[in-house]
N, C-alpha and C. Protein backbone atom coordinates (compact mmCIF):
# COMPACT_ATOMS: atom_id res chain seq x y z
N MET A 1 0.85 -1.20 0.00
CA MET A 1 0.00 0.00 0.00
C MET A 1 0.88 1.25 0.00
N SER A 2 0.47 2.25 -0.79
CA SER A 2 1.24 3.48 -0.88
C SER A 2 1.22 4.24 0.44
N LYS A 3 2.35 4.83 0.77
CA LYS A 3 2.45 5.63 1.98
C LYS A 3 2.32 7.12 1.70
N HIS A 4 2.43 7.52 0.43
CA HIS A 4 2.34 8.94 0.13
C HIS A 4 0.87 9.36 0.00
N LEU A 5 0.63 10.63 0.24
CA LEU A 5 -0.72 11.19 0.23
C LEU A 5 -0.93 12.02 -1.03
N ILE A 6 -2.16 11.97 -1.53
CA ILE A 6 -2.53 12.75 -2.71
C ILE A 6 -3.55 13.81 -2.29
N ALA A 7 -3.24 15.06 -2.67
CA ALA A 7 -4.11 16.20 -2.31
C ALA A 7 -4.49 16.96 -3.57
N PRO A 8 -5.59 16.56 -4.24
CA PRO A 8 -6.01 17.30 -5.43
C PRO A 8 -6.30 18.77 -5.10
N SER A 9 -5.77 19.65 -5.94
CA SER A 9 -6.00 21.08 -5.78
C SER A 9 -7.15 21.52 -6.67
N ILE A 10 -8.13 22.17 -6.08
CA ILE A 10 -9.29 22.57 -6.87
C ILE A 10 -9.03 23.82 -7.70
N LEU A 11 -7.80 24.34 -7.65
CA LEU A 11 -7.47 25.53 -8.44
C LEU A 11 -7.78 25.34 -9.92
N THR A 12 -7.61 24.11 -10.40
CA THR A 12 -7.87 23.83 -11.82
C THR A 12 -9.16 23.03 -12.03
N ALA A 13 -9.98 22.96 -10.99
CA ALA A 13 -11.28 22.27 -11.13
C ALA A 13 -12.26 23.15 -11.91
N ASP A 14 -13.38 22.57 -12.29
CA ASP A 14 -14.44 23.30 -12.99
C ASP A 14 -15.32 23.97 -11.94
N PHE A 15 -15.16 25.29 -11.77
CA PHE A 15 -15.88 25.98 -10.70
C PHE A 15 -17.37 26.15 -11.01
N LEU A 16 -17.77 25.94 -12.25
CA LEU A 16 -19.19 25.96 -12.55
C LEU A 16 -19.88 24.70 -12.03
N HIS A 17 -19.08 23.66 -11.78
CA HIS A 17 -19.62 22.40 -11.27
C HIS A 17 -18.76 21.94 -10.09
N LEU A 18 -18.47 22.87 -9.18
CA LEU A 18 -17.53 22.58 -8.12
C LEU A 18 -18.01 21.48 -7.18
N GLU A 19 -19.29 21.47 -6.86
CA GLU A 19 -19.81 20.40 -5.98
C GLU A 19 -19.59 19.03 -6.60
N ASP A 20 -19.83 18.91 -7.90
CA ASP A 20 -19.61 17.64 -8.59
C ASP A 20 -18.14 17.25 -8.54
N GLU A 21 -17.26 18.23 -8.72
CA GLU A 21 -15.82 17.96 -8.70
C GLU A 21 -15.39 17.46 -7.32
N ILE A 22 -15.92 18.09 -6.27
CA ILE A 22 -15.55 17.69 -4.91
C ILE A 22 -16.09 16.29 -4.61
N ARG A 23 -17.30 16.01 -5.03
CA ARG A 23 -17.86 14.67 -4.79
C ARG A 23 -17.06 13.61 -5.55
N MET A 24 -16.55 13.98 -6.71
CA MET A 24 -15.68 13.06 -7.45
C MET A 24 -14.42 12.75 -6.64
N VAL A 25 -13.82 13.79 -6.08
CA VAL A 25 -12.62 13.58 -5.26
C VAL A 25 -12.96 12.74 -4.03
N ASN A 26 -14.14 13.00 -3.43
CA ASN A 26 -14.58 12.19 -2.29
C ASN A 26 -14.61 10.70 -2.62
N SER A 27 -15.00 10.39 -3.85
CA SER A 27 -15.17 9.00 -4.25
C SER A 27 -13.85 8.33 -4.64
N SER A 28 -12.79 9.10 -4.67
CA SER A 28 -11.49 8.59 -5.13
C SER A 28 -10.64 8.14 -3.94
N GLN A 29 -9.39 7.80 -4.25
CA GLN A 29 -8.43 7.42 -3.21
C GLN A 29 -7.63 8.60 -2.67
N ALA A 30 -8.07 9.81 -2.99
CA ALA A 30 -7.39 11.01 -2.49
C ALA A 30 -7.44 11.06 -0.96
N ASP A 31 -6.44 11.72 -0.39
CA ASP A 31 -6.32 11.79 1.07
C ASP A 31 -6.74 13.14 1.64
N LEU A 32 -6.56 14.19 0.86
CA LEU A 32 -6.84 15.55 1.29
C LEU A 32 -7.46 16.31 0.12
N LEU A 33 -8.09 17.44 0.42
CA LEU A 33 -8.54 18.37 -0.62
C LEU A 33 -7.77 19.67 -0.41
N HIS A 34 -7.02 20.07 -1.43
CA HIS A 34 -6.12 21.22 -1.30
C HIS A 34 -6.80 22.48 -1.83
N LEU A 35 -6.81 23.52 -0.99
CA LEU A 35 -7.42 24.80 -1.36
C LEU A 35 -6.34 25.87 -1.39
N ASP A 36 -6.16 26.50 -2.53
CA ASP A 36 -5.19 27.59 -2.69
C ASP A 36 -5.90 28.92 -2.49
N ILE A 37 -5.49 29.65 -1.45
CA ILE A 37 -6.09 30.94 -1.14
C ILE A 37 -5.11 32.03 -1.54
N MET A 38 -5.50 32.86 -2.51
CA MET A 38 -4.62 33.92 -3.04
C MET A 38 -5.32 35.26 -2.93
N ASP A 39 -4.52 36.29 -2.58
CA ASP A 39 -5.11 37.60 -2.28
C ASP A 39 -4.85 38.66 -3.35
N GLY A 40 -4.13 38.32 -4.42
CA GLY A 40 -3.83 39.31 -5.43
C GLY A 40 -2.77 40.31 -5.02
N VAL A 41 -2.21 40.14 -3.83
CA VAL A 41 -1.16 41.03 -3.31
C VAL A 41 0.14 40.25 -3.17
N TYR A 42 0.11 39.20 -2.36
CA TYR A 42 1.31 38.38 -2.21
C TYR A 42 1.62 37.61 -3.49
N VAL A 43 0.59 37.16 -4.17
CA VAL A 43 0.74 36.51 -5.47
C VAL A 43 -0.19 37.20 -6.48
N PRO A 44 0.16 37.16 -7.76
CA PRO A 44 -0.63 37.90 -8.76
C PRO A 44 -1.85 37.13 -9.24
N ASN A 45 -2.69 36.73 -8.29
CA ASN A 45 -3.90 36.02 -8.66
C ASN A 45 -4.87 36.12 -7.49
N LEU A 46 -6.14 35.96 -7.75
CA LEU A 46 -7.19 35.94 -6.73
C LEU A 46 -7.95 34.62 -6.84
N THR A 47 -8.31 34.06 -5.70
CA THR A 47 -9.12 32.84 -5.75
C THR A 47 -10.45 33.05 -5.01
N PHE A 48 -10.55 32.66 -3.77
CA PHE A 48 -11.84 32.72 -3.08
C PHE A 48 -11.61 32.87 -1.58
N GLY A 49 -12.70 33.18 -0.87
CA GLY A 49 -12.60 33.45 0.56
C GLY A 49 -13.44 32.54 1.42
N PHE A 50 -13.76 33.02 2.60
CA PHE A 50 -14.41 32.19 3.63
C PHE A 50 -15.75 31.58 3.20
N PRO A 51 -16.65 32.32 2.53
CA PRO A 51 -17.94 31.69 2.17
C PRO A 51 -17.77 30.46 1.28
N VAL A 52 -16.84 30.52 0.34
CA VAL A 52 -16.62 29.38 -0.55
C VAL A 52 -16.00 28.21 0.22
N ILE A 53 -15.06 28.52 1.12
CA ILE A 53 -14.45 27.46 1.92
C ILE A 53 -15.52 26.74 2.75
N ARG A 54 -16.42 27.51 3.35
CA ARG A 54 -17.49 26.89 4.14
C ARG A 54 -18.36 25.99 3.28
N GLN A 55 -18.66 26.40 2.07
CA GLN A 55 -19.47 25.58 1.18
C GLN A 55 -18.71 24.30 0.79
N ILE A 56 -17.43 24.44 0.51
CA ILE A 56 -16.61 23.27 0.19
C ILE A 56 -16.59 22.30 1.37
N LYS A 57 -16.42 22.84 2.57
CA LYS A 57 -16.38 22.01 3.78
C LYS A 57 -17.67 21.21 3.95
N SER A 58 -18.79 21.80 3.54
CA SER A 58 -20.08 21.13 3.71
C SER A 58 -20.23 19.94 2.78
N VAL A 59 -19.40 19.86 1.74
CA VAL A 59 -19.50 18.79 0.76
C VAL A 59 -18.36 17.78 0.89
N SER A 60 -17.16 18.28 1.20
CA SER A 60 -15.98 17.41 1.23
C SER A 60 -16.00 16.44 2.41
N THR A 61 -15.66 15.18 2.13
CA THR A 61 -15.49 14.20 3.20
C THR A 61 -14.03 14.06 3.57
N LEU A 62 -13.16 14.81 2.89
CA LEU A 62 -11.72 14.76 3.16
C LEU A 62 -11.30 15.98 3.96
N PRO A 63 -10.20 15.87 4.73
CA PRO A 63 -9.68 17.05 5.43
C PRO A 63 -9.32 18.14 4.42
N LEU A 64 -9.57 19.39 4.80
CA LEU A 64 -9.22 20.52 3.94
C LEU A 64 -7.80 20.98 4.25
N ASP A 65 -6.95 20.92 3.24
CA ASP A 65 -5.56 21.33 3.31
C ASP A 65 -5.49 22.73 2.69
N VAL A 66 -5.50 23.76 3.54
CA VAL A 66 -5.67 25.14 3.09
C VAL A 66 -4.31 25.84 3.04
N HIS A 67 -3.95 26.32 1.87
CA HIS A 67 -2.65 26.95 1.60
C HIS A 67 -2.85 28.44 1.43
N LEU A 68 -2.36 29.23 2.39
CA LEU A 68 -2.57 30.67 2.38
C LEU A 68 -1.43 31.38 1.65
N MET A 69 -1.72 31.88 0.47
CA MET A 69 -0.77 32.73 -0.26
C MET A 69 -1.27 34.15 -0.15
N ILE A 70 -1.17 34.68 1.09
CA ILE A 70 -1.72 36.00 1.40
C ILE A 70 -0.76 36.74 2.32
N VAL A 71 -0.85 38.07 2.31
CA VAL A 71 -0.06 38.87 3.24
C VAL A 71 -0.72 38.85 4.62
N ASP A 72 0.09 38.96 5.65
CA ASP A 72 -0.39 39.05 7.03
C ASP A 72 -1.44 37.99 7.38
N PRO A 73 -1.09 36.71 7.23
CA PRO A 73 -2.08 35.66 7.50
C PRO A 73 -2.54 35.62 8.96
N ASP A 74 -1.74 36.16 9.87
CA ASP A 74 -2.09 36.11 11.30
C ASP A 74 -3.45 36.74 11.60
N ARG A 75 -3.87 37.67 10.77
CA ARG A 75 -5.15 38.35 11.01
C ARG A 75 -6.34 37.42 10.86
N TYR A 76 -6.14 36.30 10.15
CA TYR A 76 -7.29 35.50 9.74
C TYR A 76 -7.26 34.04 10.20
N LEU A 77 -6.29 33.67 11.02
CA LEU A 77 -6.12 32.26 11.35
C LEU A 77 -7.39 31.65 11.94
N GLU A 78 -8.03 32.36 12.86
CA GLU A 78 -9.24 31.82 13.50
C GLU A 78 -10.38 31.69 12.49
N GLN A 79 -10.48 32.68 11.58
CA GLN A 79 -11.54 32.62 10.57
C GLN A 79 -11.38 31.42 9.64
N TYR A 80 -10.11 31.10 9.29
CA TYR A 80 -9.90 29.92 8.44
C TYR A 80 -10.25 28.64 9.18
N ARG A 81 -9.94 28.59 10.46
CA ARG A 81 -10.35 27.43 11.27
C ARG A 81 -11.86 27.31 11.27
N ASP A 82 -12.54 28.42 11.51
CA ASP A 82 -13.99 28.40 11.58
C ASP A 82 -14.64 28.05 10.24
N ALA A 83 -13.96 28.42 9.15
CA ALA A 83 -14.50 28.12 7.82
C ALA A 83 -14.33 26.65 7.45
N GLY A 84 -13.41 25.96 8.13
CA GLY A 84 -13.29 24.52 7.88
C GLY A 84 -11.90 23.99 7.62
N ALA A 85 -10.86 24.83 7.74
CA ALA A 85 -9.50 24.35 7.50
C ALA A 85 -9.09 23.32 8.54
N ASP A 86 -8.53 22.21 8.09
CA ASP A 86 -7.99 21.18 8.99
C ASP A 86 -6.47 21.27 9.06
N TRP A 87 -5.84 21.41 7.91
CA TRP A 87 -4.40 21.66 7.82
C TRP A 87 -4.26 23.09 7.29
N LEU A 88 -3.39 23.90 7.91
CA LEU A 88 -3.25 25.28 7.48
C LEU A 88 -1.78 25.60 7.22
N THR A 89 -1.51 26.04 5.99
CA THR A 89 -0.16 26.37 5.56
C THR A 89 -0.01 27.86 5.37
N VAL A 90 1.01 28.43 6.01
CA VAL A 90 1.37 29.84 5.80
C VAL A 90 2.73 29.89 5.12
N HIS A 91 3.03 31.00 4.47
CA HIS A 91 4.32 31.14 3.82
C HIS A 91 5.34 31.73 4.77
N TYR A 92 6.54 31.15 4.77
CA TYR A 92 7.65 31.70 5.54
C TYR A 92 7.83 33.18 5.23
N GLU A 93 7.69 33.53 3.96
CA GLU A 93 7.99 34.89 3.50
C GLU A 93 6.98 35.92 3.98
N THR A 94 5.82 35.50 4.49
CA THR A 94 4.77 36.45 4.89
C THR A 94 4.60 36.56 6.40
N CYS A 95 5.38 35.81 7.17
CA CYS A 95 5.18 35.78 8.62
C CYS A 95 6.33 36.49 9.33
N GLN A 96 5.99 37.57 10.00
CA GLN A 96 7.00 38.34 10.72
C GLN A 96 7.50 37.60 11.95
N HIS A 97 6.61 36.89 12.61
CA HIS A 97 6.97 36.11 13.81
C HIS A 97 6.50 34.68 13.58
N LEU A 98 7.27 33.93 12.81
CA LEU A 98 6.83 32.62 12.32
C LEU A 98 6.50 31.66 13.45
N HIS A 99 7.34 31.61 14.49
CA HIS A 99 7.09 30.66 15.58
C HIS A 99 5.75 30.94 16.24
N GLY A 100 5.45 32.22 16.45
CA GLY A 100 4.17 32.58 17.06
C GLY A 100 3.00 32.20 16.18
N THR A 101 3.14 32.37 14.87
CA THR A 101 2.08 31.99 13.95
C THR A 101 1.83 30.49 13.99
N VAL A 102 2.90 29.72 13.99
CA VAL A 102 2.79 28.26 14.05
C VAL A 102 2.12 27.82 15.35
N GLN A 103 2.52 28.44 16.45
CA GLN A 103 1.91 28.11 17.73
C GLN A 103 0.42 28.40 17.73
N LYS A 104 0.03 29.53 17.16
CA LYS A 104 -1.38 29.92 17.13
C LYS A 104 -2.20 28.94 16.30
N ILE A 105 -1.66 28.51 15.16
CA ILE A 105 -2.36 27.53 14.33
C ILE A 105 -2.60 26.25 15.13
N THR A 106 -1.58 25.81 15.86
CA THR A 106 -1.70 24.60 16.68
C THR A 106 -2.73 24.78 17.78
N GLU A 107 -2.69 25.93 18.45
CA GLU A 107 -3.65 26.21 19.52
C GLU A 107 -5.09 26.21 19.01
N LEU A 108 -5.27 26.61 17.76
CA LEU A 108 -6.61 26.65 17.17
C LEU A 108 -7.10 25.28 16.73
N GLY A 109 -6.25 24.26 16.88
CA GLY A 109 -6.67 22.89 16.58
C GLY A 109 -6.41 22.44 15.16
N MET A 110 -5.64 23.22 14.40
CA MET A 110 -5.30 22.84 13.04
C MET A 110 -3.88 22.29 13.00
N LYS A 111 -3.55 21.57 11.94
CA LYS A 111 -2.20 21.06 11.76
C LYS A 111 -1.37 22.12 11.04
N PRO A 112 -0.28 22.59 11.68
CA PRO A 112 0.46 23.72 11.12
C PRO A 112 1.47 23.29 10.06
N ALA A 113 1.54 24.08 9.00
CA ALA A 113 2.52 23.85 7.95
C ALA A 113 3.07 25.19 7.48
N VAL A 114 4.29 25.15 6.97
CA VAL A 114 4.92 26.35 6.43
C VAL A 114 5.39 26.06 5.02
N SER A 115 5.15 26.99 4.12
CA SER A 115 5.58 26.87 2.74
C SER A 115 6.77 27.77 2.47
N VAL A 116 7.65 27.31 1.57
CA VAL A 116 8.78 28.13 1.13
C VAL A 116 8.75 28.24 -0.40
N ASN A 117 9.00 29.43 -0.89
CA ASN A 117 9.04 29.68 -2.32
C ASN A 117 10.31 29.09 -2.94
N PRO A 118 10.37 28.98 -4.26
CA PRO A 118 11.54 28.37 -4.90
C PRO A 118 12.87 29.02 -4.53
N HIS A 119 12.87 30.33 -4.24
CA HIS A 119 14.14 31.01 -3.94
C HIS A 119 14.51 30.96 -2.46
N THR A 120 13.65 30.42 -1.61
CA THR A 120 13.88 30.44 -0.16
C THR A 120 14.58 29.17 0.31
N ASP A 121 15.64 29.34 1.09
CA ASP A 121 16.44 28.22 1.60
C ASP A 121 15.67 27.52 2.73
N VAL A 122 15.51 26.22 2.62
CA VAL A 122 14.78 25.47 3.65
C VAL A 122 15.50 25.50 4.99
N ALA A 123 16.80 25.83 5.00
CA ALA A 123 17.54 25.91 6.26
C ALA A 123 16.94 26.95 7.20
N LEU A 124 16.23 27.91 6.66
CA LEU A 124 15.61 28.95 7.48
C LEU A 124 14.49 28.40 8.36
N LEU A 125 14.02 27.20 8.07
CA LEU A 125 12.94 26.60 8.85
C LEU A 125 13.44 25.79 10.04
N GLU A 126 14.74 25.63 10.15
CA GLU A 126 15.29 24.76 11.19
C GLU A 126 14.79 25.12 12.59
N PRO A 127 14.67 26.42 12.97
CA PRO A 127 14.21 26.74 14.34
C PRO A 127 12.79 26.30 14.65
N VAL A 128 11.95 26.11 13.63
CA VAL A 128 10.55 25.74 13.89
C VAL A 128 10.20 24.34 13.41
N LEU A 129 11.19 23.63 12.88
CA LEU A 129 10.90 22.36 12.23
C LEU A 129 10.18 21.38 13.16
N GLY A 130 10.56 21.35 14.42
CA GLY A 130 9.95 20.42 15.36
C GLY A 130 8.51 20.75 15.70
N ASP A 131 8.06 21.97 15.35
CA ASP A 131 6.69 22.39 15.65
C ASP A 131 5.76 22.20 14.46
N LEU A 132 6.30 21.76 13.33
CA LEU A 132 5.51 21.71 12.10
C LEU A 132 5.00 20.31 11.81
N HIS A 133 3.75 20.24 11.37
CA HIS A 133 3.21 18.99 10.86
C HIS A 133 3.74 18.72 9.46
N MET A 134 4.00 19.80 8.71
CA MET A 134 4.38 19.65 7.32
C MET A 134 5.13 20.89 6.83
N VAL A 135 6.02 20.67 5.87
CA VAL A 135 6.64 21.75 5.11
C VAL A 135 6.23 21.60 3.66
N LEU A 136 5.72 22.68 3.08
CA LEU A 136 5.34 22.69 1.67
C LEU A 136 6.44 23.36 0.86
N VAL A 137 7.07 22.59 0.00
CA VAL A 137 8.10 23.13 -0.90
C VAL A 137 7.42 23.48 -2.22
N MET A 138 7.39 24.78 -2.54
CA MET A 138 6.82 25.20 -3.81
C MET A 138 7.79 24.82 -4.93
N THR A 139 7.30 24.03 -5.87
CA THR A 139 8.14 23.58 -6.98
C THR A 139 7.81 24.32 -8.27
N VAL A 140 6.99 25.37 -8.13
CA VAL A 140 6.78 26.40 -9.16
C VAL A 140 6.66 27.72 -8.40
N ASN A 141 6.67 28.82 -9.12
CA ASN A 141 6.42 30.11 -8.47
C ASN A 141 4.94 30.23 -8.17
N PRO A 142 4.56 30.58 -6.94
CA PRO A 142 3.16 30.56 -6.55
C PRO A 142 2.33 31.59 -7.31
N GLY A 143 1.07 31.23 -7.56
CA GLY A 143 0.14 32.17 -8.16
C GLY A 143 -0.76 31.58 -9.22
N PHE A 144 -0.26 30.62 -10.01
CA PHE A 144 -1.07 30.06 -11.07
C PHE A 144 -0.81 28.56 -11.20
N GLY A 145 -1.84 27.82 -11.58
CA GLY A 145 -1.70 26.39 -11.84
C GLY A 145 -1.13 26.15 -13.22
N GLY A 146 -0.72 24.92 -13.46
CA GLY A 146 -0.29 24.51 -14.79
C GLY A 146 1.14 24.90 -15.16
N GLN A 147 1.97 25.28 -14.17
CA GLN A 147 3.34 25.67 -14.46
C GLN A 147 4.26 24.45 -14.52
N LYS A 148 5.44 24.67 -15.12
CA LYS A 148 6.43 23.60 -15.25
C LYS A 148 7.22 23.45 -13.96
N PHE A 149 7.46 22.22 -13.57
CA PHE A 149 8.23 21.87 -12.37
C PHE A 149 9.64 22.46 -12.45
N ILE A 150 10.11 23.04 -11.35
CA ILE A 150 11.47 23.59 -11.26
C ILE A 150 12.41 22.49 -10.80
N ASP A 151 13.33 22.06 -11.67
CA ASP A 151 14.17 20.89 -11.40
C ASP A 151 15.10 21.08 -10.20
N ALA A 152 15.47 22.32 -9.89
CA ALA A 152 16.34 22.56 -8.73
C ALA A 152 15.67 22.17 -7.42
N SER A 153 14.38 21.90 -7.48
CA SER A 153 13.63 21.53 -6.27
C SER A 153 14.11 20.21 -5.67
N TYR A 154 14.63 19.31 -6.49
CA TYR A 154 15.05 18.00 -5.97
C TYR A 154 16.11 18.14 -4.88
N ALA A 155 17.12 18.97 -5.14
CA ALA A 155 18.18 19.15 -4.16
C ALA A 155 17.64 19.79 -2.88
N LYS A 156 16.71 20.69 -3.05
CA LYS A 156 16.10 21.37 -1.90
C LYS A 156 15.31 20.37 -1.04
N ILE A 157 14.57 19.49 -1.69
CA ILE A 157 13.79 18.47 -0.98
C ILE A 157 14.71 17.52 -0.23
N ARG A 158 15.79 17.10 -0.87
CA ARG A 158 16.74 16.19 -0.21
C ARG A 158 17.37 16.86 1.02
N LYS A 159 17.69 18.13 0.89
CA LYS A 159 18.25 18.87 2.02
C LYS A 159 17.25 18.92 3.17
N LEU A 160 16.00 19.19 2.86
CA LEU A 160 14.96 19.25 3.89
C LEU A 160 14.77 17.88 4.52
N ARG A 161 14.80 16.82 3.74
CA ARG A 161 14.65 15.47 4.28
C ARG A 161 15.78 15.17 5.26
N ARG A 162 17.00 15.59 4.94
CA ARG A 162 18.13 15.40 5.87
C ARG A 162 17.91 16.19 7.15
N MET A 163 17.43 17.41 7.03
CA MET A 163 17.15 18.24 8.21
C MET A 163 16.14 17.57 9.12
N ILE A 164 15.08 17.04 8.54
CA ILE A 164 14.03 16.38 9.33
C ILE A 164 14.59 15.13 10.01
N SER A 165 15.38 14.38 9.28
CA SER A 165 16.00 13.17 9.85
C SER A 165 16.92 13.53 11.00
N ASP A 166 17.75 14.57 10.82
CA ASP A 166 18.68 14.99 11.86
C ASP A 166 17.95 15.50 13.09
N ALA A 167 16.80 16.14 12.87
CA ALA A 167 16.03 16.69 13.98
C ALA A 167 15.21 15.61 14.69
N GLY A 168 15.07 14.46 14.05
CA GLY A 168 14.31 13.36 14.66
C GLY A 168 12.82 13.63 14.73
N THR A 169 12.29 14.43 13.81
CA THR A 169 10.86 14.73 13.81
C THR A 169 10.17 13.88 12.74
N ASP A 170 8.83 13.91 12.75
CA ASP A 170 8.07 13.17 11.73
C ASP A 170 7.38 14.15 10.79
N THR A 171 7.98 15.33 10.61
CA THR A 171 7.43 16.36 9.74
C THR A 171 7.29 15.85 8.30
N LEU A 172 6.15 16.08 7.72
CA LEU A 172 5.89 15.67 6.34
C LEU A 172 6.46 16.70 5.37
N ILE A 173 6.81 16.23 4.16
CA ILE A 173 7.21 17.13 3.08
C ILE A 173 6.15 17.06 1.99
N GLN A 174 5.62 18.23 1.64
CA GLN A 174 4.63 18.35 0.58
C GLN A 174 5.24 19.14 -0.58
N VAL A 175 4.87 18.79 -1.80
CA VAL A 175 5.27 19.58 -2.96
C VAL A 175 4.03 20.03 -3.71
N ASP A 176 4.15 21.20 -4.32
CA ASP A 176 3.02 21.79 -5.04
C ASP A 176 3.58 22.47 -6.29
N GLY A 177 3.13 21.97 -7.46
CA GLY A 177 3.51 22.60 -8.72
C GLY A 177 4.21 21.67 -9.67
N GLY A 178 3.58 21.39 -10.79
CA GLY A 178 4.20 20.59 -11.84
C GLY A 178 4.35 19.12 -11.53
N VAL A 179 3.55 18.59 -10.60
CA VAL A 179 3.63 17.17 -10.25
C VAL A 179 2.91 16.35 -11.33
N THR A 180 3.60 15.32 -11.84
CA THR A 180 3.04 14.46 -12.89
C THR A 180 3.32 13.00 -12.57
N GLU A 181 2.72 12.12 -13.33
CA GLU A 181 3.03 10.70 -13.20
C GLU A 181 4.51 10.42 -13.46
N GLN A 182 5.12 11.25 -14.30
CA GLN A 182 6.50 11.01 -14.71
C GLN A 182 7.53 11.39 -13.64
N ASN A 183 7.24 12.40 -12.81
CA ASN A 183 8.25 12.81 -11.84
C ASN A 183 7.97 12.38 -10.40
N MET A 184 6.84 11.72 -10.17
CA MET A 184 6.49 11.37 -8.79
C MET A 184 7.46 10.38 -8.16
N SER A 185 7.91 9.39 -8.90
CA SER A 185 8.85 8.41 -8.34
C SER A 185 10.12 9.08 -7.84
N SER A 186 10.65 10.00 -8.64
CA SER A 186 11.86 10.71 -8.26
C SER A 186 11.62 11.58 -7.02
N LEU A 187 10.44 12.15 -6.93
CA LEU A 187 10.10 12.98 -5.78
C LEU A 187 9.93 12.14 -4.51
N ILE A 188 9.33 10.98 -4.65
CA ILE A 188 9.22 10.07 -3.50
C ILE A 188 10.60 9.65 -3.03
N GLU A 189 11.48 9.35 -3.97
CA GLU A 189 12.85 8.97 -3.63
C GLU A 189 13.58 10.10 -2.91
N ALA A 190 13.28 11.34 -3.31
CA ALA A 190 13.92 12.50 -2.67
C ALA A 190 13.40 12.74 -1.26
N GLY A 191 12.19 12.23 -0.97
CA GLY A 191 11.67 12.35 0.39
C GLY A 191 10.30 12.96 0.54
N VAL A 192 9.57 13.12 -0.57
CA VAL A 192 8.25 13.74 -0.51
C VAL A 192 7.21 12.76 0.03
N ASN A 193 6.32 13.29 0.89
CA ASN A 193 5.23 12.48 1.46
C ASN A 193 3.86 12.84 0.90
N VAL A 194 3.67 14.12 0.55
CA VAL A 194 2.34 14.62 0.18
C VAL A 194 2.44 15.37 -1.15
N PHE A 195 1.56 15.02 -2.09
CA PHE A 195 1.60 15.60 -3.42
C PHE A 195 0.34 16.40 -3.70
N VAL A 196 0.51 17.68 -3.99
CA VAL A 196 -0.59 18.50 -4.48
C VAL A 196 -0.64 18.33 -5.99
N VAL A 197 -1.79 17.94 -6.49
CA VAL A 197 -1.96 17.71 -7.94
C VAL A 197 -3.18 18.47 -8.43
N GLY A 198 -2.99 19.22 -9.49
CA GLY A 198 -4.10 19.99 -10.05
C GLY A 198 -4.45 19.54 -11.44
N ASN A 199 -3.73 20.08 -12.42
CA ASN A 199 -4.00 19.73 -13.82
C ASN A 199 -3.92 18.23 -14.07
N THR A 200 -2.97 17.57 -13.42
CA THR A 200 -2.78 16.14 -13.64
C THR A 200 -4.06 15.37 -13.36
N VAL A 201 -4.82 15.82 -12.37
CA VAL A 201 -6.08 15.16 -12.02
C VAL A 201 -7.24 15.72 -12.82
N PHE A 202 -7.42 17.04 -12.75
CA PHE A 202 -8.67 17.61 -13.28
C PHE A 202 -8.72 17.72 -14.79
N SER A 203 -7.57 17.56 -15.45
CA SER A 203 -7.59 17.53 -16.92
C SER A 203 -7.59 16.11 -17.46
N ALA A 204 -7.55 15.12 -16.56
CA ALA A 204 -7.55 13.71 -16.98
C ALA A 204 -8.94 13.31 -17.47
N SER A 205 -8.98 12.38 -18.41
CA SER A 205 -10.27 11.90 -18.91
C SER A 205 -11.03 11.13 -17.83
N ASP A 206 -10.28 10.50 -16.92
CA ASP A 206 -10.88 9.78 -15.79
C ASP A 206 -10.11 10.17 -14.53
N PRO A 207 -10.51 11.26 -13.86
CA PRO A 207 -9.77 11.75 -12.70
C PRO A 207 -9.66 10.74 -11.57
N VAL A 208 -10.71 9.95 -11.33
CA VAL A 208 -10.67 8.97 -10.25
C VAL A 208 -9.60 7.92 -10.53
N ARG A 209 -9.54 7.47 -11.76
CA ARG A 209 -8.50 6.49 -12.13
C ARG A 209 -7.12 7.12 -12.04
N MET A 210 -6.99 8.38 -12.44
CA MET A 210 -5.70 9.06 -12.36
C MET A 210 -5.22 9.12 -10.91
N ILE A 211 -6.11 9.45 -9.99
CA ILE A 211 -5.73 9.50 -8.57
C ILE A 211 -5.29 8.11 -8.10
N ALA A 212 -6.00 7.07 -8.53
CA ALA A 212 -5.62 5.70 -8.17
C ALA A 212 -4.24 5.37 -8.73
N ASN A 213 -3.96 5.81 -9.95
CA ASN A 213 -2.65 5.57 -10.54
C ASN A 213 -1.55 6.29 -9.76
N LEU A 214 -1.84 7.51 -9.33
CA LEU A 214 -0.84 8.28 -8.57
C LEU A 214 -0.56 7.62 -7.21
N LYS A 215 -1.58 7.03 -6.62
CA LYS A 215 -1.39 6.34 -5.34
C LYS A 215 -0.51 5.10 -5.47
N LYS A 216 -0.52 4.48 -6.66
CA LYS A 216 0.24 3.24 -6.87
C LYS A 216 1.72 3.48 -7.11
N ILE A 217 2.07 4.71 -7.48
CA ILE A 217 3.47 5.00 -7.82
C ILE A 217 4.36 4.85 -6.59
N SER A 218 5.52 4.28 -6.79
CA SER A 218 6.45 4.10 -5.67
C SER A 218 7.86 4.46 -6.12
């Protein structure tokens, strides 16, 4: 049985039929439902806010893995919890007091995660690594789906895996951006546990089968 987790991102889903898309994911072997929250300030794109998250939560049978690509996320942590976030990811680059943010997420009952952009050194996370449920390594520049995987990410993931091993924690490594059937084996070998997949799933002729195929990869 596969040990890695699949988190379909609804960023590339059909929003005119979003309930149907979520129910499709519910029926699959997916482990999480990934929600990309963008504010048009930190990243050059806008997605959706609390009312949509609450509606998604009412339909999804999977934990909501909410990725905040927004400035000053500390203002809204409780609101995201109340809207239905189970796992909450903030960006290293947007948190002035990262340890305090991580602690607050934990206190609110969510699983805390921190994301790093392609240019950010994962070594900067060492002081908080033991407090994190997961680290999200962006393998494209954040803001839009359908981008090409950045190959330099492999070395970064291996470095993070060594850091986690040295620290003796069970912190998960997630990747987001350009994940395909072709590169998943190499990413698993590098140390990835959780895969955010968008186009690979939602542009497939049979998304449920695609998710099953991704779960089988080793």
